[in-house]
Amino acid sequence: MAGTIEALVPGGQATPGPPLGPELGPTPVDVQDVVAQINDETAAFDGMEVPVTVEYDDDGSFTIEVGVPPTAELIKDEAGFETGSGGVTIEGDDARTFDDHVDAGEYDDVLDE
């Protein structure tokens, strides 16, 4: 029985525990081998949540596809924040307040709408 497993894992820091372990446990693959390969392939995204897809066959062989981290993860990494909650502002305002300024036309001279 071949199958596919999709999960978000911390780049370079996946473990045989959740979310991968419980999904991979009933499959014919070697969980440690899968985790090791995921960590190798996601090392550049150290600590960021990275989407991975593991496709496996009945013989225990597997392939791993690494996706691009969600935009929020990339912004947090670039800005140097541990969490995204309340960390990113635009011109000192949160996004909703800034959006109100844009709607009011305060930035029409710099935005080409």
Protein backbone atom coordinates (compact mmCIF):
# COMPACT_ATOMS: atom_id res chain seq x y z
CA MET A 1 0.00 0.00 0.00
CA ALA A 2 1.72 3.17 -1.20
CA GLY A 3 0.78 6.53 0.26
CA THR A 4 1.54 10.17 0.88
CA ILE A 5 2.04 12.08 4.11
CA GLU A 6 2.09 15.86 4.34
CA ALA A 7 3.30 17.77 7.39
CA LEU A 8 4.81 21.04 8.60
CA VAL A 9 8.13 20.42 10.31
CA PRO A 10 10.75 22.71 11.85
CA GLY A 11 13.52 23.05 9.27
CA GLY A 12 16.53 20.91 10.12
CA GLN A 13 14.93 19.85 13.40
CA ALA A 14 12.34 17.19 12.55
CA THR A 15 12.06 14.30 15.01
CA PRO A 16 10.46 10.85 14.98
CA GLY A 17 7.78 12.31 17.27
CA PRO A 18 4.69 14.21 16.15
CA PRO A 19 3.76 15.21 13.54
CA LEU A 20 5.82 12.71 11.51
CA GLY A 21 6.19 9.70 13.80
CA PRO A 22 2.52 8.85 14.26
CA GLU A 23 1.94 9.19 10.51
CA LEU A 24 5.03 7.23 9.44
CA GLY A 25 4.84 4.52 12.13
CA PRO A 26 2.29 2.30 10.35
CA THR A 27 4.10 2.59 7.00
CA PRO A 28 6.89 0.32 5.72
CA VAL A 29 9.51 3.11 5.75
CA ASP A 30 12.35 3.49 8.24
CA VAL A 31 11.22 6.51 10.27
CA GLN A 32 14.78 7.46 11.27
CA ASP A 33 15.89 7.48 7.62
CA VAL A 34 12.96 9.70 6.63
CA VAL A 35 13.62 12.13 9.49
CA ALA A 36 17.34 12.28 8.69
CA GLN A 37 16.68 13.03 5.01
CA ILE A 38 14.07 15.69 5.89
CA ASN A 39 16.56 17.36 8.24
CA ASP A 40 19.24 17.32 5.52
CA GLU A 41 16.90 18.80 2.92
CA THR A 42 15.42 21.45 5.25
CA ALA A 43 18.61 22.54 7.03
CA ALA A 44 18.64 25.87 5.16
CA PHE A 45 15.30 26.72 6.80
CA ASP A 46 16.69 26.22 10.32
CA GLY A 47 13.79 26.30 12.79
CA MET A 48 11.20 27.67 10.32
CA GLU A 49 8.04 25.65 9.74
CA VAL A 50 8.51 23.95 6.37
CA PRO A 51 5.92 21.93 4.45
CA VAL A 52 7.16 18.47 3.46
CA THR A 53 5.53 15.68 1.51
CA VAL A 54 6.68 12.09 1.97
CA GLU A 55 5.62 9.61 -0.70
CA TYR A 56 6.31 5.98 0.13
CA ASP A 57 5.95 2.59 -1.54
CA ASP A 58 5.18 -0.87 -0.21
CA ASP A 59 8.86 -1.83 -0.38
CA GLY A 60 9.83 0.88 2.14
CA SER A 61 11.30 3.26 -0.41
CA PHE A 62 10.35 6.91 -0.14
CA THR A 63 10.81 10.32 -1.71
CA ILE A 64 10.62 13.66 0.02
CA GLU A 65 9.45 16.94 -1.48
CA VAL A 66 10.23 20.11 0.46
CA GLY A 67 7.96 23.09 -0.08
CA VAL A 68 8.51 26.77 0.60
CA PRO A 69 7.85 27.92 4.17
CA PRO A 70 4.67 29.95 4.64
CA THR A 71 5.08 33.70 4.08
CA ALA A 72 4.56 34.42 7.77
CA GLU A 73 7.52 32.18 8.63
CA LEU A 74 9.75 33.97 6.10
CA ILE A 75 8.74 37.39 7.45
CA LYS A 76 9.36 36.31 11.07
CA ASP A 77 12.79 35.00 10.09
CA GLU A 78 13.76 38.12 8.13
CA ALA A 79 12.55 40.43 10.91
CA GLY A 80 14.23 38.29 13.59
CA PHE A 81 11.04 37.57 15.56
CA GLU A 82 10.31 34.41 17.51
CA THR A 83 6.56 34.85 17.01
CA GLY A 84 4.56 36.86 14.51
CA SER A 85 1.95 38.12 16.94
CA GLY A 86 2.11 41.93 17.06
CA GLY A 87 5.75 41.91 15.84
CA VAL A 88 5.47 43.46 12.33
CA THR A 89 4.34 47.05 11.75
CA ILE A 90 4.19 49.39 8.76
CA GLU A 91 5.33 52.96 9.40
CA GLY A 92 4.77 52.19 13.11
CA ASP A 93 1.14 51.07 12.68
CA ASP A 94 -0.33 47.58 12.66
CA ALA A 95 -1.55 46.37 9.26
CA ARG A 96 -5.24 47.18 9.88
CA THR A 97 -4.49 50.77 10.92
CA PHE A 98 -2.11 51.22 7.99
CA ASP A 99 -4.79 49.87 5.65
CA ASP A 100 -7.15 52.58 6.94
CA HIS A 101 -4.52 55.22 6.07
CA VAL A 102 -4.17 53.78 2.57
CA ASP A 103 -7.96 53.74 2.11
CA ALA A 104 -8.09 57.38 3.22
CA GLY A 105 -5.65 58.28 0.43
CA GLU A 106 -2.74 59.24 2.64
CA TYR A 107 -0.29 57.25 0.50
CA ASP A 108 -1.72 57.90 -2.97
CA ASP A 109 1.45 59.77 -3.94
CA VAL A 110 3.61 56.66 -3.42
CA LEU A 111 1.11 53.92 -4.30
CA ASP A 112 -0.06 53.44 -7.86
CA GLU A 113 -3.57 52.08 -7.39
